[in-house]
Structures are given as structure tokens and as C-alpha cells.
Amino acid sequence: MHIERGHRIGKDAKLSVSASAVIYGEGGILLIQRTDNGRYCLPGGQVELGESLREAVIREVEEETNFIVSVKYIAGVSSNPDMVICYPDGNKWQTVELDFVCRIDGQLPNVTPGVSNESIKSVWATRENIDKLDVMESELPRILSYLEGETFLG
């Protein structure tokens, strides 16, 4: 997976709706390190057909972190028509990202918290350590905004 940029490049892509979790704790925000590219991002992913936004973010967090969460409120919304995410299968996606503040209520039994087949590990990103993490550039502005306690609209 990689990112391509260009003026209104999204017009030649498919549109994808994604839901991600903003989980506060340990003085920062929970990020996962992805297995496919080794980079850090918010836990989350594409909303599946027949699924609500709330269901999508709860499912994605469980799949990527083994944590059970509850959704509290919306943190931000973003979409960039000048950027697309390109996958090895040739598909290009302009994403509409909806981020939700979530609370960890527990974890799945008999698994390692923060690790799954989709994530190498999870970390607490703070203002002090964010520069040391290889964060996906498409997510960095949102994460920095949330670390400042602000909402995001972009």
C-alpha cells in the first residue's frame, strides 16, 4: 500500500468510508503498527456493507487490537480529493474517514492485547514520542489534532 498525491486525483479512484478509533490513555492516543507496511495509524478500517459506523469501529478495533470498546462521540471527519491510497491489487481509494472517541471496556480472552494478524503491536502516541514513530502521513494531521484535544475537519 502506498499513497499518491495530485490535484483532484481522487476523481479517478473509488470512494471508501472508513471508521477509526481515538482511544485516550497513558497520556496519549492508542496507535497500531500495521503488519502490511510497518507504519503506525489509528485502529480502524473500511465500513462494510450492511454495517453501521458504530459497528464498524468496534469491529475494527477488536480485529486490530483485541480490545473491546464502546463508542463515545465523533472526534473528526476528513477527506482529501488530492490523495488516494493505492493497494497492490491496483485499486485506488479516496477515503472519507470518520474518527470516534472510544473507551476500552475489556479485551478478548486468551489473546495478547494490542496484537493481531493486522497489527504488530500497539503503542501510546504522545506529543513527546510522535516524531519517533513512522506514522502514516495521511493520518498524522488528525492524530496531532487529537493529541491537542481538538476535533478535526479536513
Foldseek 3Di string as FASTA:
>chain_A
DDKDFDVLQLVPAAEFEKEFEFEDDPLFTKWFQFPVPRAIATQITTDDPPGDSQRRHQVRCCQQFQFGKHFDAWQEWEWDSRMWDADPVGHTYTYIYTYTYIYGPGGHPPDDGQHHNTGHGMDGDAPVCVVVGRHDPVHVVQRVCVNVVHGDYD
